Amino acid sequence: MSVDTRTKGRRLDGYTRQRVGEHEVLLDPDLLKLPVELTIVSGGVFGRGLGAAVDGLNGAACPIQLL
Protein backbone atom coordinates (compact mmCIF):
# COMPACT_ATOMS: atom_id res chain seq x y z
CA MET A 1 0.00 0.00 0.00
CA SER A 2 1.25 3.46 -0.74
CA VAL A 3 0.19 6.99 -0.05
CA ASP A 4 0.38 9.73 -2.64
CA THR A 5 -1.21 13.09 -2.02
CA ARG A 6 -0.26 14.48 -5.42
CA THR A 7 -3.16 13.59 -7.67
CA LYS A 8 -3.36 16.71 -9.83
CA GLY A 9 -2.88 15.85 -13.50
CA ARG A 10 -2.92 12.09 -12.92
CA ARG A 11 -5.22 9.55 -14.53
CA LEU A 12 -7.38 8.22 -11.72
CA ASP A 13 -10.26 6.79 -13.74
CA GLY A 14 -9.52 3.16 -12.81
CA TYR A 15 -9.56 3.76 -9.06
CA THR A 16 -12.57 3.24 -6.81
CA ARG A 17 -13.22 6.30 -4.64
CA GLN A 18 -14.27 5.90 -1.02
CA ARG A 19 -14.85 8.61 1.60
CA VAL A 20 -13.36 8.01 5.07
CA GLY A 21 -14.26 10.93 7.30
CA GLU A 22 -12.99 14.05 5.54
CA HIS A 23 -10.60 12.05 3.35
CA GLU A 24 -11.13 10.58 -0.10
CA VAL A 25 -9.33 7.25 -0.53
CA LEU A 26 -8.55 5.88 -3.99
CA LEU A 27 -8.49 2.08 -4.08
CA ASP A 28 -6.38 0.36 -6.72
CA PRO A 29 -8.38 -2.09 -8.86
CA ASP A 30 -5.69 -4.79 -8.39
CA LEU A 31 -6.11 -4.55 -4.61
CA LEU A 32 -9.87 -4.98 -4.96
CA LYS A 33 -9.35 -8.27 -6.83
CA LEU A 34 -7.58 -9.88 -3.86
CA PRO A 35 -9.51 -11.96 -1.30
CA VAL A 36 -8.91 -9.48 1.53
CA GLU A 37 -10.88 -7.41 3.97
CA LEU A 38 -9.44 -3.89 4.06
CA THR A 39 -10.30 -1.64 6.99
CA ILE A 40 -9.52 2.08 6.73
CA VAL A 41 -10.16 4.38 9.68
CA SER A 42 -9.60 8.04 10.34
CA GLY A 43 -8.31 9.17 13.68
CA GLY A 44 -5.46 10.92 15.39
CA VAL A 45 -5.56 13.91 17.69
CA PHE A 46 -7.16 16.19 15.10
CA GLY A 47 -8.89 13.47 13.06
CA ARG A 48 -6.52 13.99 10.16
CA GLY A 49 -4.68 10.68 10.29
CA LEU A 50 -5.61 7.52 8.45
CA GLY A 51 -4.93 3.94 9.43
CA ALA A 52 -5.29 0.74 7.44
CA ALA A 53 -5.49 -2.93 8.35
CA VAL A 54 -5.84 -5.89 6.03
CA ASP A 55 -6.98 -9.43 6.83
CA GLY A 56 -7.73 -12.51 4.80
CA LEU A 57 -11.36 -12.87 3.77
CA ASN A 58 -13.49 -15.04 6.07
CA GLY A 59 -10.53 -15.92 8.31
CA ALA A 60 -8.26 -17.14 5.49
CA ALA A 61 -4.57 -16.30 5.44
CA CYS A 62 -3.91 -12.82 4.12
CA PRO A 63 -2.10 -12.80 0.75
CA ILE A 64 -0.47 -9.37 1.37
CA GLN A 65 1.21 -7.51 4.22
CA LEU A 66 1.02 -3.81 4.94
CA LEU A 67 4.27 -2.27 6.09
PDB file of N, CA and C in Angstrom:
ATOM      1  N   MET A   1       0.854  -1.165   0.000  1.00  0.00           N
ATOM      2  CA  MET A   1       0.000   0.000   0.000  1.00  0.00           C
ATOM      3  C   MET A   1       0.893   1.219   0.000  1.00  0.00           C
ATOM      4  N   SER A   2       0.469   2.232  -0.710  1.00  0.00           N
ATOM      5  CA  SER A   2       1.248   3.459  -0.737  1.00  0.00           C
ATOM      6  C   SER A   2       0.327   4.654  -0.554  1.00  0.00           C
ATOM      7  N   VAL A   3       0.928   5.748  -0.217  1.00  0.00           N
ATOM      8  CA  VAL A   3       0.191   6.992  -0.045  1.00  0.00           C
ATOM      9  C   VAL A   3       0.785   8.014  -0.984  1.00  0.00           C
ATOM     10  N   ASP A   4      -0.064   8.677  -1.746  1.00  0.00           N
ATOM     11  CA  ASP A   4       0.384   9.727  -2.639  1.00  0.00           C
ATOM     12  C   ASP A   4      -0.660  10.830  -2.588  1.00  0.00           C
ATOM     13  N   THR A   5      -0.270  11.980  -2.130  1.00  0.00           N
ATOM     14  CA  THR A   5      -1.213  13.086  -2.017  1.00  0.00           C
ATOM     15  C   THR A   5      -1.213  13.969  -3.253  1.00  0.00           C
ATOM     16  N   ARG A   6      -0.336  13.679  -4.197  1.00  0.00           N
ATOM     17  CA  ARG A   6      -0.260  14.485  -5.422  1.00  0.00           C
ATOM     18  C   ARG A   6      -1.075  13.791  -6.519  1.00  0.00           C
ATOM     19  N   THR A   7      -2.292  14.215  -6.687  1.00  0.00           N
ATOM     20  CA  THR A   7      -3.158  13.588  -7.674  1.00  0.00           C
ATOM     21  C   THR A   7      -3.462  14.511  -8.853  1.00  0.00           C
ATOM     22  N   LYS A   8      -3.070  15.756  -8.750  1.00  0.00           N
ATOM     23  CA  LYS A   8      -3.362  16.711  -9.830  1.00  0.00           C
ATOM     24  C   LYS A   8      -2.657  16.283 -11.122  1.00  0.00           C
ATOM     25  N   GLY A   9      -3.429  16.203 -12.196  1.00  0.00           N
ATOM     26  CA  GLY A   9      -2.882  15.852 -13.498  1.00  0.00           C
ATOM     27  C   GLY A   9      -2.661  14.363 -13.708  1.00  0.00           C
ATOM     28  N   ARG A  10      -3.099  13.532 -12.792  1.00  0.00           N
ATOM     29  CA  ARG A  10      -2.918  12.086 -12.920  1.00  0.00           C
ATOM     30  C   ARG A  10      -4.214  11.419 -13.370  1.00  0.00           C
ATOM     31  N   ARG A  11      -4.059  10.320 -14.090  1.00  0.00           N
ATOM     32  CA  ARG A  11      -5.224   9.552 -14.534  1.00  0.00           C
ATOM     33  C   ARG A  11      -5.689   8.666 -13.383  1.00  0.00           C
ATOM     34  N   LEU A  12      -6.854   8.945 -12.870  1.00  0.00           N
ATOM     35  CA  LEU A  12      -7.381   8.221 -11.717  1.00  0.00           C
ATOM     36  C   LEU A  12      -8.685   7.501 -12.038  1.00  0.00           C
ATOM     37  N   ASP A  13      -8.988   7.378 -13.325  1.00  0.00           N
ATOM     38  CA  ASP A  13     -10.257   6.788 -13.744  1.00  0.00           C
ATOM     39  C   ASP A  13     -10.456   5.358 -13.258  1.00  0.00           C
ATOM     40  N   GLY A  14      -9.396   4.565 -13.178  1.00  0.00           N
ATOM     41  CA  GLY A  14      -9.517   3.156 -12.814  1.00  0.00           C
ATOM     42  C   GLY A  14      -9.676   2.900 -11.329  1.00  0.00           C
ATOM     43  N   TYR A  15      -9.498   3.928 -10.508  1.00  0.00           N
ATOM     44  CA  TYR A  15      -9.562   3.759  -9.060  1.00  0.00           C
ATOM     45  C   TYR A  15     -10.996   3.866  -8.553  1.00  0.00           C
ATOM     46  N   THR A  16     -11.297   3.123  -7.499  1.00  0.00           N
ATOM     47  CA  THR A  16     -12.573   3.243  -6.807  1.00  0.00           C
ATOM     48  C   THR A  16     -12.401   4.280  -5.711  1.00  0.00           C
ATOM     49  N   ARG A  17     -13.304   5.228  -5.640  1.00  0.00           N
ATOM     50  CA  ARG A  17     -13.218   6.303  -4.644  1.00  0.00           C
ATOM     51  C   ARG A  17     -14.101   5.965  -3.452  1.00  0.00           C
ATOM     52  N   GLN A  18     -13.542   6.181  -2.259  1.00  0.00           N
ATOM     53  CA  GLN A  18     -14.272   5.903  -1.023  1.00  0.00           C
ATOM     54  C   GLN A  18     -13.992   7.032  -0.043  1.00  0.00           C
ATOM     55  N   ARG A  19     -15.020   7.565   0.592  1.00  0.00           N
ATOM     56  CA  ARG A  19     -14.845   8.607   1.600  1.00  0.00           C
ATOM     57  C   ARG A  19     -14.633   7.955   2.956  1.00  0.00           C
ATOM     58  N   VAL A  20     -13.622   8.429   3.694  1.00  0.00           N
ATOM     59  CA  VAL A  20     -13.364   8.010   5.071  1.00  0.00           C
ATOM     60  C   VAL A  20     -13.224   9.296   5.869  1.00  0.00           C
ATOM     61  N   GLY A  21     -14.266   9.653   6.601  1.00  0.00           N
ATOM     62  CA  GLY A  21     -14.257  10.932   7.302  1.00  0.00           C
ATOM     63  C   GLY A  21     -14.154  12.058   6.291  1.00  0.00           C
ATOM     64  N   GLU A  22     -13.180  12.940   6.473  1.00  0.00           N
ATOM     65  CA  GLU A  22     -12.990  14.054   5.543  1.00  0.00           C
ATOM     66  C   GLU A  22     -12.049  13.709   4.396  1.00  0.00           C
ATOM     67  N   HIS A  23     -11.569  12.475   4.352  1.00  0.00           N
ATOM     68  CA  HIS A  23     -10.598  12.048   3.350  1.00  0.00           C
ATOM     69  C   HIS A  23     -11.276  11.279   2.213  1.00  0.00           C
ATOM     70  N   GLU A  24     -10.713  11.407   1.031  1.00  0.00           N
ATOM     71  CA  GLU A  24     -11.129  10.579  -0.097  1.00  0.00           C
ATOM     72  C   GLU A  24     -10.000   9.592  -0.375  1.00  0.00           C
ATOM     73  N   VAL A  25     -10.317   8.308  -0.322  1.00  0.00           N
ATOM     74  CA  VAL A  25      -9.331   7.255  -0.527  1.00  0.00           C
ATOM     75  C   VAL A  25      -9.557   6.655  -1.904  1.00  0.00           C
ATOM     76  N   LEU A  26      -8.477   6.501  -2.668  1.00  0.00           N
ATOM     77  CA  LEU A  26      -8.545   5.884  -3.989  1.00  0.00           C
ATOM     78  C   LEU A  26      -8.025   4.460  -3.870  1.00  0.00           C
ATOM     79  N   LEU A  27      -8.848   3.488  -4.211  1.00  0.00           N
ATOM     80  CA  LEU A  27      -8.488   2.082  -4.082  1.00  0.00           C
ATOM     81  C   LEU A  27      -8.095   1.519  -5.441  1.00  0.00           C
ATOM     82  N   ASP A  28      -6.916   0.926  -5.492  1.00  0.00           N
ATOM     83  CA  ASP A  28      -6.383   0.358  -6.720  1.00  0.00           C
ATOM     84  C   ASP A  28      -7.229  -0.852  -7.140  1.00  0.00           C
ATOM     85  N   PRO A  29      -7.561  -0.966  -8.419  1.00  0.00           N
ATOM     86  CA  PRO A  29      -8.377  -2.095  -8.864  1.00  0.00           C
ATOM     87  C   PRO A  29      -7.712  -3.455  -8.633  1.00  0.00           C
ATOM     88  N   ASP A  30      -6.382  -3.521  -8.661  1.00  0.00           N
ATOM     89  CA  ASP A  30      -5.692  -4.791  -8.390  1.00  0.00           C
ATOM     90  C   ASP A  30      -5.863  -5.203  -6.930  1.00  0.00           C
ATOM     91  N   LEU A  31      -5.885  -4.243  -6.016  1.00  0.00           N
ATOM     92  CA  LEU A  31      -6.110  -4.549  -4.607  1.00  0.00           C
ATOM     93  C   LEU A  31      -7.518  -5.090  -4.402  1.00  0.00           C
ATOM     94  N   LEU A  32      -8.481  -4.542  -5.118  1.00  0.00           N
ATOM     95  CA  LEU A  32      -9.866  -4.976  -4.956  1.00  0.00           C
ATOM     96  C   LEU A  32     -10.120  -6.379  -5.491  1.00  0.00           C
ATOM     97  N   LYS A  33      -9.217  -6.907  -6.297  1.00  0.00           N
ATOM     98  CA  LYS A  33      -9.349  -8.268  -6.827  1.00  0.00           C
ATOM     99  C   LYS A  33      -8.895  -9.324  -5.826  1.00  0.00           C
ATOM    100  N   LEU A  34      -8.124  -8.931  -4.826  1.00  0.00           N
ATOM    101  CA  LEU A  34      -7.581  -9.884  -3.858  1.00  0.00           C
ATOM    102  C   LEU A  34      -8.639 -10.282  -2.830  1.00  0.00           C
ATOM    103  N   PRO A  35      -8.552 -11.506  -2.301  1.00  0.00           N
ATOM    104  CA  PRO A  35      -9.508 -11.956  -1.296  1.00  0.00           C
ATOM    105  C   PRO A  35      -9.131 -11.426   0.087  1.00  0.00           C
ATOM    106  N   VAL A  36      -9.277 -10.110   0.269  1.00  0.00           N
ATOM    107  CA  VAL A  36      -8.909  -9.481   1.531  1.00  0.00           C
ATOM    108  C   VAL A  36     -10.042  -8.612   2.040  1.00  0.00           C
ATOM    109  N   GLU A  37      -9.978  -8.355   3.333  1.00  0.00           N
ATOM    110  CA  GLU A  37     -10.880  -7.410   3.969  1.00  0.00           C
ATOM    111  C   GLU A  37     -10.028  -6.231   4.405  1.00  0.00           C
ATOM    112  N   LEU A  38     -10.229  -5.086   3.802  1.00  0.00           N
ATOM    113  CA  LEU A  38      -9.444  -3.890   4.059  1.00  0.00           C
ATOM    114  C   LEU A  38     -10.255  -2.961   4.943  1.00  0.00           C
ATOM    115  N   THR A  39      -9.656  -2.555   6.064  1.00  0.00           N
ATOM    116  CA  THR A  39     -10.305  -1.636   6.989  1.00  0.00           C
ATOM    117  C   THR A  39      -9.504  -0.345   7.010  1.00  0.00           C
ATOM    118  N   ILE A  40     -10.156   0.766   6.706  1.00  0.00           N
ATOM    119  CA  ILE A  40      -9.516   2.075   6.725  1.00  0.00           C
ATOM    120  C   ILE A  40     -10.276   2.931   7.722  1.00  0.00           C
ATOM    121  N   VAL A  41      -9.540   3.543   8.660  1.00  0.00           N
ATOM    122  CA  VAL A  41     -10.162   4.379   9.682  1.00  0.00           C
ATOM    123  C   VAL A  41      -9.460   5.718   9.739  1.00  0.00           C
ATOM    124  N   SER A  42     -10.222   6.740  10.098  1.00  0.00           N
ATOM    125  CA  SER A  42      -9.600   8.035  10.339  1.00  0.00           C
ATOM    126  C   SER A  42      -9.490   8.211  11.839  1.00  0.00           C
ATOM    127  N   GLY A  43      -8.510   8.977  12.254  1.00  0.00           N
ATOM    128  CA  GLY A  43      -8.308   9.166  13.677  1.00  0.00           C
ATOM    129  C   GLY A  43      -7.214  10.172  13.924  1.00  0.00           C
ATOM    130  N   GLY A  44      -6.507   9.981  15.015  1.00  0.00           N
ATOM    131  CA  GLY A  44      -5.462  10.922  15.386  1.00  0.00           C
ATOM    132  C   GLY A  44      -6.032  12.014  16.269  1.00  0.00           C
ATOM    133  N   VAL A  45      -5.159  12.854  16.760  1.00  0.00           N
ATOM    134  CA  VAL A  45      -5.555  13.914  17.686  1.00  0.00           C
ATOM    135  C   VAL A  45      -6.547  14.877  17.032  1.00  0.00           C
ATOM    136  N   PHE A  46      -6.287  15.246  15.792  1.00  0.00           N
ATOM    137  CA  PHE A  46      -7.164  16.191  15.103  1.00  0.00           C
ATOM    138  C   PHE A  46      -8.039  15.519  14.051  1.00  0.00           C
ATOM    139  N   GLY A  47      -8.076  14.194  14.016  1.00  0.00           N
ATOM    140  CA  GLY A  47      -8.893  13.470  13.064  1.00  0.00           C
ATOM    141  C   GLY A  47      -8.350  13.496  11.650  1.00  0.00           C
ATOM    142  N   ARG A  48      -7.092  13.862  11.487  1.00  0.00           N
ATOM    143  CA  ARG A  48      -6.518  13.989  10.155  1.00  0.00           C
ATOM    144  C   ARG A  48      -5.733  12.761   9.722  1.00  0.00           C
ATOM    145  N   GLY A  49      -5.462  11.866  10.628  1.00  0.00           N
ATOM    146  CA  GLY A  49      -4.677  10.681  10.286  1.00  0.00           C
ATOM    147  C   GLY A  49      -5.546   9.577   9.724  1.00  0.00           C
ATOM    148  N   LEU A  50      -4.923   8.689   8.976  1.00  0.00           N
ATOM    149  CA  LEU A  50      -5.607   7.519   8.453  1.00  0.00           C
ATOM    150  C   LEU A  50      -4.838   6.281   8.880  1.00  0.00           C
ATOM    151  N   GLY A  51      -5.553   5.214   9.121  1.00  0.00           N
ATOM    152  CA  GLY A  51      -4.930   3.940   9.425  1.00  0.00           C
ATOM    153  C   GLY A  51      -5.551   2.865   8.559  1.00  0.00           C
ATOM    154  N   ALA A  52      -4.784   1.830   8.273  1.00  0.00           N
ATOM    155  CA  ALA A  52      -5.294   0.745   7.438  1.00  0.00           C
ATOM    156  C   ALA A  52      -4.881  -0.588   8.039  1.00  0.00           C
ATOM    157  N   ALA A  53      -5.772  -1.557   7.932  1.00  0.00           N
ATOM    158  CA  ALA A  53      -5.493  -2.928   8.351  1.00  0.00           C
ATOM    159  C   ALA A  53      -6.063  -3.850   7.288  1.00  0.00           C
ATOM    160  N   VAL A  54      -5.376  -4.946   7.043  1.00  0.00           N
ATOM    161  CA  VAL A  54      -5.835  -5.890   6.030  1.00  0.00           C
ATOM    162  C   VAL A  54      -5.808  -7.300   6.618  1.00  0.00           C
ATOM    163  N   ASP A  55      -6.856  -8.053   6.362  1.00  0.00           N
ATOM    164  CA  ASP A  55      -6.976  -9.435   6.831  1.00  0.00           C
ATOM    165  C   ASP A  55      -7.458 -10.291   5.669  1.00  0.00           C
ATOM    166  N   GLY A  56      -7.205 -11.585   5.790  1.00  0.00           N
ATOM    167  CA  GLY A  56      -7.735 -12.508   4.798  1.00  0.00           C
ATOM    168  C   GLY A  56      -9.252 -12.570   4.895  1.00  0.00           C
ATOM    169  N   LEU A  57      -9.900 -12.829   3.810  1.00  0.00           N
ATOM    170  CA  LEU A  57     -11.359 -12.866   3.772  1.00  0.00           C
ATOM    171  C   LEU A  57     -11.876 -14.113   4.484  1.00  0.00           C
ATOM    172  N   ASN A  58     -12.849 -13.941   5.330  1.00  0.00           N
ATOM    173  CA  ASN A  58     -13.485 -15.035   6.075  1.00  0.00           C
ATOM    174  C   ASN A  58     -12.493 -15.876   6.864  1.00  0.00           C
ATOM    175  N   GLY A  59     -11.485 -15.226   7.463  1.00  0.00           N
ATOM    176  CA  GLY A  59     -10.528 -15.922   8.312  1.00  0.00           C
ATOM    177  C   GLY A  59      -9.396 -16.618   7.577  1.00  0.00           C
ATOM    178  N   ALA A  60      -9.347 -16.513   6.258  1.00  0.00           N
ATOM    179  CA  ALA A  60      -8.265 -17.142   5.488  1.00  0.00           C
ATOM    180  C   ALA A  60      -6.966 -16.358   5.700  1.00  0.00           C
ATOM    181  N   ALA A  61      -5.860 -16.984   5.350  1.00  0.00           N
ATOM    182  CA  ALA A  61      -4.568 -16.301   5.438  1.00  0.00           C
ATOM    183  C   ALA A  61      -4.562 -15.113   4.491  1.00  0.00           C
ATOM    184  N   CYS A  62      -3.946 -14.031   4.929  1.00  0.00           N
ATOM    185  CA  CYS A  62      -3.908 -12.817   4.118  1.00  0.00           C
ATOM    186  C   CYS A  62      -2.796 -12.925   3.069  1.00  0.00           C
ATOM    187  N   PRO A  63      -3.098 -12.671   1.802  1.00  0.00           N
ATOM    188  CA  PRO A  63      -2.102 -12.799   0.752  1.00  0.00           C
ATOM    189  C   PRO A  63      -1.127 -11.620   0.659  1.00  0.00           C
ATOM    190  N   ILE A  64      -1.380 -10.521   1.402  1.00  0.00           N
ATOM    191  CA  ILE A  64      -0.474  -9.367   1.372  1.00  0.00           C
ATOM    192  C   ILE A  64      -0.192  -8.903   2.786  1.00  0.00           C
ATOM    193  N   GLN A  65       0.867  -8.106   2.928  1.00  0.00           N
ATOM    194  CA  GLN A  65       1.205  -7.512   4.222  1.00  0.00           C
ATOM    195  C   GLN A  65       1.387  -6.022   4.036  1.00  0.00           C
ATOM    196  N   LEU A  66       0.811  -5.250   4.935  1.00  0.00           N
ATOM    197  CA  LEU A  66       1.019  -3.810   4.936  1.00  0.00           C
ATOM    198  C   LEU A  66       2.231  -3.513   5.790  1.00  0.00           C
ATOM    199  N   LEU A  67       3.079  -2.652   5.315  1.00  0.00           N
ATOM    200  CA  LEU A  67       4.266  -2.273   6.086  1.00  0.00           C
ATOM    201  C   LEU A  67       4.094  -0.939   6.719  1.00  0.00           C
TER     202      LEU A  67
END
